[in-house]
């Protein structure tokens, strides 16, 4: 069963880009089990939504992600995972 998680991070585009660079450098830029990743919203108030294959994979990724966010001063909070009922991919 897949799970969706939404993070309201209130970060800027440059902060987001820096986090992605640090994840890439840590070998976690494309973690196993993450099906989709979307970053969206106005400058300075970005949100992130991910869809994962399992919560165990989310927790494993969090071991790398959360220390990087903390070092960057980003408070991501703890999202409430929701099980995915359906995914439709456009043509």
C-alpha atoms as a PDB file:
ATOM      1  CA  UNK A   1       0.000   0.000   0.000  1.00  0.00           C
ATOM      2  CA  UNK A   2       1.330   3.434  -0.911  1.00  0.00           C
ATOM      3  CA  UNK A   3       1.320   6.436   1.418  1.00  0.00           C
ATOM      4  CA  UNK A   4       1.196  10.176   0.778  1.00  0.00           C
ATOM      5  CA  UNK A   5       2.910  12.697   3.053  1.00  0.00           C
ATOM      6  CA  UNK A   6       2.694  16.479   2.856  1.00  0.00           C
ATOM      7  CA  UNK A   7       5.264  18.809   4.426  1.00  0.00           C
ATOM      8  CA  UNK A   8       4.465  22.506   4.809  1.00  0.00           C
ATOM      9  CA  UNK A   9       8.020  23.710   5.171  1.00  0.00           C
ATOM     10  CA  UNK A  10       7.737  27.471   4.614  1.00  0.00           C
ATOM     11  CA  UNK A  11      11.126  27.449   2.866  1.00  0.00           C
ATOM     12  CA  UNK A  12      12.433  29.388  -0.091  1.00  0.00           C
ATOM     13  CA  UNK A  13      13.415  27.991  -3.464  1.00  0.00           C
ATOM     14  CA  UNK A  14      17.102  28.452  -2.676  1.00  0.00           C
ATOM     15  CA  UNK A  15      16.683  26.587   0.624  1.00  0.00           C
ATOM     16  CA  UNK A  16      14.855  23.775  -1.188  1.00  0.00           C
ATOM     17  CA  UNK A  17      17.550  23.591  -3.880  1.00  0.00           C
ATOM     18  CA  UNK A  18      20.210  23.427  -1.154  1.00  0.00           C
ATOM     19  CA  UNK A  19      18.399  20.563   0.598  1.00  0.00           C
ATOM     20  CA  UNK A  20      18.140  18.652  -2.690  1.00  0.00           C
ATOM     21  CA  UNK A  21      21.870  19.188  -3.338  1.00  0.00           C
ATOM     22  CA  UNK A  22      22.732  17.900   0.124  1.00  0.00           C
ATOM     23  CA  UNK A  23      20.483  14.858  -0.315  1.00  0.00           C
ATOM     24  CA  UNK A  24      22.168  14.126  -3.661  1.00  0.00           C
ATOM     25  CA  UNK A  25      25.602  14.425  -2.027  1.00  0.00           C
ATOM     26  CA  UNK A  26      24.486  12.024   0.719  1.00  0.00           C
ATOM     27  CA  UNK A  27      23.344   9.496  -1.904  1.00  0.00           C
ATOM     28  CA  UNK A  28      19.685  10.026  -0.986  1.00  0.00           C
ATOM     29  CA  UNK A  29      18.503  12.203  -3.864  1.00  0.00           C
ATOM     30  CA  UNK A  30      16.402   9.404  -5.313  1.00  0.00           C
ATOM     31  CA  UNK A  31      15.604   7.172  -2.331  1.00  0.00           C
ATOM     32  CA  UNK A  32      14.248   3.655  -2.737  1.00  0.00           C
ATOM     33  CA  UNK A  33      10.486   3.532  -2.369  1.00  0.00           C
ATOM     34  CA  UNK A  34       9.691   7.143  -3.181  1.00  0.00           C
ATOM     35  CA  UNK A  35       7.292   7.035  -6.116  1.00  0.00           C
ATOM     36  CA  UNK A  36       6.603  10.756  -6.572  1.00  0.00           C
ATOM     37  CA  UNK A  37       8.003  14.005  -5.222  1.00  0.00           C
ATOM     38  CA  UNK A  38       6.408  17.400  -5.829  1.00  0.00           C
ATOM     39  CA  UNK A  39       7.574  20.778  -4.519  1.00  0.00           C
ATOM     40  CA  UNK A  40       5.124  23.642  -4.996  1.00  0.00           C
ATOM     41  CA  UNK A  41       3.902  26.957  -3.690  1.00  0.00           C
ATOM     42  CA  UNK A  42       4.914  30.585  -3.588  1.00  0.00           C
ATOM     43  CA  UNK A  43       8.479  31.719  -2.947  1.00  0.00           C
ATOM     44  CA  UNK A  44       9.255  31.546   0.753  1.00  0.00           C
ATOM     45  CA  UNK A  45       6.326  29.226   1.490  1.00  0.00           C
ATOM     46  CA  UNK A  46       7.054  26.015  -0.404  1.00  0.00           C
ATOM     47  CA  UNK A  47       5.374  22.722   0.405  1.00  0.00           C
ATOM     48  CA  UNK A  48       6.450  19.207  -0.505  1.00  0.00           C
ATOM     49  CA  UNK A  49       4.270  16.183  -1.166  1.00  0.00           C
ATOM     50  CA  UNK A  50       5.740  12.707  -1.557  1.00  0.00           C
ATOM     51  CA  UNK A  51       4.166   9.354  -2.371  1.00  0.00           C
ATOM     52  CA  UNK A  52       5.981   6.329  -0.954  1.00  0.00           C
ATOM     53  CA  UNK A  53       5.657   2.575  -1.334  1.00  0.00           C
ATOM     54  CA  UNK A  54       5.871   1.975   2.426  1.00  0.00           C
ATOM     55  CA  UNK A  55       6.217   3.778   5.721  1.00  0.00           C
ATOM     56  CA  UNK A  56       9.375   1.778   6.475  1.00  0.00           C
ATOM     57  CA  UNK A  57      11.031   3.403   3.443  1.00  0.00           C
ATOM     58  CA  UNK A  58       9.878   6.849   4.615  1.00  0.00           C
ATOM     59  CA  UNK A  59      11.403   6.217   8.034  1.00  0.00           C
ATOM     60  CA  UNK A  60      14.691   5.070   6.509  1.00  0.00           C
ATOM     61  CA  UNK A  61      14.870   8.195   4.313  1.00  0.00           C
ATOM     62  CA  UNK A  62      14.057  10.355   7.339  1.00  0.00           C
ATOM     63  CA  UNK A  63      17.328   9.258   8.952  1.00  0.00           C
ATOM     64  CA  UNK A  64      19.125  11.244   6.249  1.00  0.00           C
ATOM     65  CA  UNK A  65      16.560  13.970   5.560  1.00  0.00           C
ATOM     66  CA  UNK A  66      15.770  15.262   9.042  1.00  0.00           C
ATOM     67  CA  UNK A  67      19.360  15.986  10.128  1.00  0.00           C
ATOM     68  CA  UNK A  68      19.905  17.877   6.857  1.00  0.00           C
ATOM     69  CA  UNK A  69      16.735  19.899   7.416  1.00  0.00           C
ATOM     70  CA  UNK A  70      17.739  20.653  11.011  1.00  0.00           C
ATOM     71  CA  UNK A  71      21.190  21.857   9.961  1.00  0.00           C
ATOM     72  CA  UNK A  72      19.530  24.152   7.405  1.00  0.00           C
ATOM     73  CA  UNK A  73      17.122  25.519  10.035  1.00  0.00           C
ATOM     74  CA  UNK A  74      14.053  24.086   8.280  1.00  0.00           C
ATOM     75  CA  UNK A  75      11.163  22.921  10.457  1.00  0.00           C
ATOM     76  CA  UNK A  76       9.280  20.289   8.454  1.00  0.00           C
ATOM     77  CA  UNK A  77       7.026  19.101  11.237  1.00  0.00           C
ATOM     78  CA  UNK A  78       5.720  15.568  11.335  1.00  0.00           C
ATOM     79  CA  UNK A  79       3.213  14.889   8.582  1.00  0.00           C
ATOM     80  CA  UNK A  80       0.304  12.542   9.071  1.00  0.00           C
ATOM     81  CA  UNK A  81       0.666   9.793   6.478  1.00  0.00           C
ATOM     82  CA  UNK A  82      -2.437   8.855   4.540  1.00  0.00           C
ATOM     83  CA  UNK A  83      -2.900   5.627   2.645  1.00  0.00           C
ATOM     84  CA  UNK A  84      -3.340   6.081  -1.092  1.00  0.00           C
ATOM     85  CA  UNK A  85      -6.601   4.866  -2.569  1.00  0.00           C
ATOM     86  CA  UNK A  86      -5.731   5.471  -6.239  1.00  0.00           C
ATOM     87  CA  UNK A  87      -3.016   6.929  -8.460  1.00  0.00           C
ATOM     88  CA  UNK A  88      -3.754   7.986 -12.032  1.00  0.00           C
ATOM     89  CA  UNK A  89      -0.905   8.881 -14.360  1.00  0.00           C
ATOM     90  CA  UNK A  90      -1.624  11.220 -17.257  1.00  0.00           C
ATOM     91  CA  UNK A  91      -1.083  10.166 -20.825  1.00  0.00           C
END
